Protein backbone atom coordinates (compact mmCIF):
# COMPACT_ATOMS: atom_id res chain seq x y z
CA MET A 1 -4.27 -37.82 7.58
CA ALA A 2 -3.63 -34.34 9.57
CA ASN A 3 -2.95 -34.32 13.27
CA TYR A 4 -4.89 -31.34 13.79
CA ALA A 5 -8.23 -29.72 12.51
CA LYS A 6 -8.69 -25.63 12.21
CA THR A 7 -12.22 -23.54 11.81
CA ASN A 8 -13.21 -20.33 12.26
CA ILE A 9 -16.24 -19.37 14.00
CA GLY A 10 -16.67 -15.91 12.48
CA ASN A 11 -19.72 -13.70 14.51
CA GLU A 12 -22.37 -16.19 14.86
CA SER A 13 -24.16 -16.37 18.26
CA ARG A 14 -22.98 -20.01 19.35
CA VAL A 15 -20.62 -22.11 18.25
CA GLU A 16 -20.09 -25.60 19.43
CA LEU A 17 -16.89 -26.89 18.03
CA HIS A 18 -16.99 -30.54 19.22
CA GLU A 19 -18.11 -31.81 15.26
CA VAL A 20 -16.31 -29.35 13.35
CA LEU A 21 -13.14 -29.99 14.80
CA GLY A 22 -13.51 -33.58 15.93
CA LEU A 23 -13.19 -33.27 19.75
CA THR A 24 -13.35 -36.63 21.43
CA GLY A 25 -12.41 -35.49 25.10
CA ALA A 26 -14.29 -32.23 25.75
CA GLU A 27 -17.15 -30.44 24.22
CA VAL A 28 -16.21 -26.45 23.22
CA SER A 29 -18.43 -23.87 22.52
CA VAL A 30 -18.16 -20.04 22.02
CA ASN A 31 -21.00 -17.98 22.94
CA ASN A 32 -22.23 -14.37 22.18
CA LEU A 33 -24.38 -12.81 24.24
CA PRO A 34 -26.13 -9.13 23.16
CA ALA A 35 -26.73 -6.62 25.51
CA GLY A 36 -29.51 -7.45 27.82
CA ALA A 37 -29.94 -11.19 26.23
CA GLY A 38 -29.79 -14.73 28.46
CA VAL A 39 -29.55 -18.17 27.78
CA PRO A 40 -33.64 -19.12 27.93
CA PHE A 41 -33.00 -21.88 30.39
CA VAL A 42 -31.51 -23.31 33.39
CA HIS A 43 -29.13 -26.47 33.38
CA ALA A 44 -27.43 -28.49 35.04
CA HIS A 45 -25.39 -31.79 34.22
CA LYS A 46 -25.27 -35.41 34.74
CA GLU A 47 -21.27 -35.90 35.00
CA ASN A 48 -20.11 -33.20 33.00
CA GLU A 49 -18.02 -29.86 35.02
CA GLU A 50 -17.91 -26.55 32.76
CA ILE A 51 -15.04 -24.34 32.66
CA TYR A 52 -16.24 -20.90 31.57
CA GLY A 53 -13.74 -18.07 30.19
CA VAL A 54 -15.00 -14.66 29.43
CA LEU A 55 -13.66 -13.16 26.29
CA GLU A 56 -15.47 -9.84 25.93
CA GLY A 57 -17.34 -7.79 28.04
CA ALA A 58 -19.69 -8.22 31.07
CA GLY A 59 -22.73 -10.36 32.59
CA THR A 60 -23.74 -12.56 35.32
CA ALA A 61 -23.70 -16.09 35.98
CA ALA A 62 -26.67 -17.28 37.89
CA ILE A 63 -25.65 -20.92 40.08
CA ASP A 64 -27.75 -22.27 42.44
CA GLY A 65 -29.56 -19.25 43.28
CA GLU A 66 -26.05 -17.03 43.62
CA ASP A 67 -25.59 -14.06 40.98
CA VAL A 68 -22.00 -13.96 40.47
CA LYS A 69 -20.74 -11.33 38.22
CA LEU A 70 -18.31 -11.84 35.37
CA ALA A 71 -15.81 -9.49 33.20
CA ALA A 72 -13.33 -9.61 30.75
CA GLY A 73 -10.98 -12.37 31.73
CA ASP A 74 -12.41 -14.14 34.26
CA TRP A 75 -12.27 -18.00 34.50
CA LEU A 76 -15.17 -19.90 36.67
CA ARG A 77 -15.59 -23.59 36.95
CA ILE A 78 -18.73 -25.09 37.80
CA SER A 79 -19.30 -28.66 39.30
CA PRO A 80 -22.35 -30.99 37.25
CA ALA A 81 -24.97 -30.42 39.37
CA ALA A 82 -24.79 -26.84 40.08
CA HIS A 83 -27.78 -24.75 38.43
CA ARG A 84 -26.66 -22.40 36.02
CA GLN A 85 -28.03 -19.68 33.70
CA PHE A 86 -26.12 -17.07 31.61
CA ARG A 87 -26.87 -13.21 31.04
CA ALA A 88 -25.68 -10.57 29.54
CA ALA A 89 -24.92 -7.05 31.45
CA SER A 90 -27.95 -4.31 30.31
CA ASP A 91 -25.20 -2.15 28.51
CA SER A 92 -22.91 -4.74 27.55
CA GLY A 93 -23.00 -7.65 25.84
CA ILE A 94 -20.69 -11.05 26.77
CA THR A 95 -18.44 -13.21 24.50
CA TYR A 96 -17.42 -16.56 26.36
CA VAL A 97 -16.16 -19.96 26.01
CA CYS A 98 -17.58 -22.99 27.73
CA ILE A 99 -15.61 -26.39 28.05
CA GLN A 100 -17.28 -28.95 29.37
CA VAL A 101 -15.58 -31.87 30.55
CA LYS A 102 -16.21 -35.36 32.55
CA GLN A 103 -15.70 -34.61 36.21
CA GLY A 104 -12.55 -36.23 37.53
CA SER A 105 -11.44 -37.52 34.29
CA LEU A 106 -8.33 -35.69 34.27
CA GLY A 107 -5.64 -38.48 33.52
CA ALA A 108 -2.12 -36.38 33.51
CA PHE A 109 -1.72 -32.64 33.62
CA THR A 110 1.12 -31.20 31.02
CA VAL A 111 3.65 -31.57 33.22
CA ASP A 112 3.33 -35.52 33.31
CA ASP A 113 1.95 -35.95 30.04
CA ALA A 114 4.36 -34.26 27.23
CA ILE A 115 6.64 -35.88 25.64
CA MET A 116 9.42 -34.12 24.74
CA CYS A 117 10.84 -34.12 20.95
């Protein structure tokens, strides 16, 4: 059995990687919204915080009624209870990664968890 999994996501509008990579500690998705498009729902979580990284383009995250402008290179952490919704800019699509993990679950950082081989 290999100690890794690999996939190629192509140009789909949304890809969830937890199944194709066999993730057991996080949910990761890659999302593409065309110019002017938005996620059609507002959501929050019971236990999971989300980390968003903007890979390309620009847009807005509405978080608890506040509009946060986003551009390529931006990273954003949102606590579980916050209500959130994402929209691409009117003149630019947006591609972002979303990493979802249970808040407070990180047991060790790389410096403490790494084993030098």
